[in-house]
Protein backbone atom coordinates (compact mmCIF):
# COMPACT_ATOMS: atom_id res chain seq x y z
CA MET A 1 107.24 68.74 43.98
CA THR A 2 109.62 70.39 46.39
CA GLU A 3 110.73 72.78 43.64
CA ALA A 4 107.09 73.90 43.22
CA LEU A 5 106.95 75.20 46.79
CA ASP A 6 107.04 78.98 47.23
CA LYS A 7 110.05 79.66 49.45
CA GLU A 8 108.44 82.87 50.66
CA HIS A 9 105.28 81.11 51.87
CA LEU A 10 104.62 81.30 55.61
CA TYR A 11 104.47 77.49 55.91
CA TYR A 12 107.27 76.66 53.46
CA GLN A 13 109.38 74.78 56.01
CA ASN A 14 106.40 72.75 57.26
CA MET A 15 105.35 71.82 53.73
CA ARG A 16 108.93 70.93 52.79
CA GLN A 17 109.35 68.71 55.85
CA ALA A 18 106.06 66.94 55.10
CA MET A 19 107.12 66.32 51.50
CA LEU A 20 110.54 65.07 52.53
CA ALA A 21 109.02 62.69 55.07
CA ARG A 22 106.64 61.30 52.44
CA ALA A 23 109.44 60.87 49.90
CA LYS A 24 111.41 58.89 52.46
CA GLU A 25 108.34 56.77 53.31
CA LEU A 26 108.04 55.91 49.62
CA ASN A 27 111.77 55.08 49.46
CA CYS A 28 112.42 57.67 46.77
CA THR A 29 115.97 58.70 46.01
CA PHE A 30 117.17 62.28 45.78
CA ASN A 31 118.86 63.22 42.51
CA MET A 32 121.49 65.82 43.37
CA ASN A 33 121.93 67.00 39.75
CA LEU A 34 118.21 67.59 39.19
CA GLN A 35 117.57 68.62 42.81
CA LYS A 36 114.43 66.49 43.15
CA TRP A 37 113.14 63.22 44.56
CA MET A 38 112.77 60.45 42.01
CA ASN A 39 111.77 56.86 41.34
CA PRO A 40 109.72 55.39 44.15
CA PRO A 41 109.99 51.59 44.00
CA GLU A 42 107.20 49.79 42.20
CA PHE A 43 104.26 48.83 44.41
CA ASN A 44 103.90 45.06 44.83
CA GLY A 45 100.57 44.43 46.55
CA ILE A 46 99.07 41.29 48.00
CA SER A 47 97.20 38.87 45.76
CA GLU A 48 93.43 38.50 45.66
CA ALA A 49 93.79 35.14 47.47
CA GLN A 50 95.76 36.84 50.26
CA ARG A 51 93.13 39.60 50.41
CA ASP A 52 90.44 36.94 50.76
CA GLU A 53 92.41 35.31 53.59
CA LEU A 54 92.63 38.64 55.45
CA GLN A 55 88.92 39.30 54.84
CA ASP A 56 88.11 35.91 56.35
CA LEU A 57 90.27 36.61 59.41
CA LEU A 58 88.63 40.00 59.89
CA ALA A 59 85.14 38.51 59.48
CA GLN A 60 85.88 35.76 62.01
CA ALA A 61 87.07 38.43 64.42
CA GLY A 62 83.98 40.56 63.82
CA ILE A 63 86.04 43.44 62.41
CA ASP A 64 84.62 45.45 59.51
CA VAL A 65 87.02 45.49 56.55
CA MET A 66 86.31 49.15 55.74
CA THR A 67 86.92 50.20 59.34
CA TYR A 68 90.15 48.18 59.44
CA CYS A 69 91.38 49.80 56.23
CA GLU A 70 90.56 53.29 57.51
CA ASP A 71 92.40 52.56 60.76
CA GLN A 72 95.44 51.41 58.77
CA GLY A 73 95.33 54.38 56.38
CA ILE A 74 94.75 52.32 53.23
CA ASP A 75 91.98 52.42 50.63
CA SER A 76 91.51 48.65 50.51
CA LEU A 77 93.21 45.44 51.61
CA LEU A 78 94.83 45.31 48.16
CA GLY A 79 96.77 48.40 49.26
CA ILE A 80 98.91 46.20 51.53
CA GLU A 81 102.38 45.48 50.21
CA ALA A 82 103.05 41.79 49.64
CA GLN A 83 106.18 41.90 51.82
CA HIS A 84 103.99 42.90 54.79
CA PHE A 85 101.31 40.21 54.37
CA GLU A 86 102.50 37.87 57.13
CA ASN A 87 102.97 40.77 59.56
CA VAL A 88 99.47 42.11 58.83
CA LYS A 89 97.99 38.64 59.25
CA ALA A 90 99.79 38.20 62.59
CA HIS A 91 98.67 41.67 63.70
CA ILE A 92 95.02 40.83 63.01
CA ILE A 93 95.31 37.53 64.89
CA ASN A 94 97.15 39.13 67.84
CA THR A 95 94.69 42.02 68.02
CA THR A 96 91.70 39.71 68.15
CA GLN A 97 93.30 37.45 70.73
CA GLY A 98 94.01 40.50 72.88
CA GLN A 99 90.29 41.29 72.78
CA GLY A 100 89.37 37.81 73.94
CA ARG A 101 88.31 36.65 70.48
CA ALA A 102 89.69 33.42 69.11
CA ILE A 103 90.27 32.76 65.45
CA ALA A 104 90.12 29.12 64.44
């Protein structure tokens, strides 16, 4: 998409920086020959069982799933990468303990 940006546009540099930051977040690689970002790694999300476990933790803590997802910038719990499951789970537990709520 960076090649689609109008270099004469007033906000070209801002748009380019935003696109570059997003490409790096997605772990894309830059192809020097083609002069474009390519091949983000395949998304590997959590399983439905893991989603259910997180939903249970959130419910026990009295946290709305939709609100949690909005706060985290994801559309649903299934938008969490599998490699981050344990960290997300620990974050939910730590957050609720910090608020004086205990999860059994």
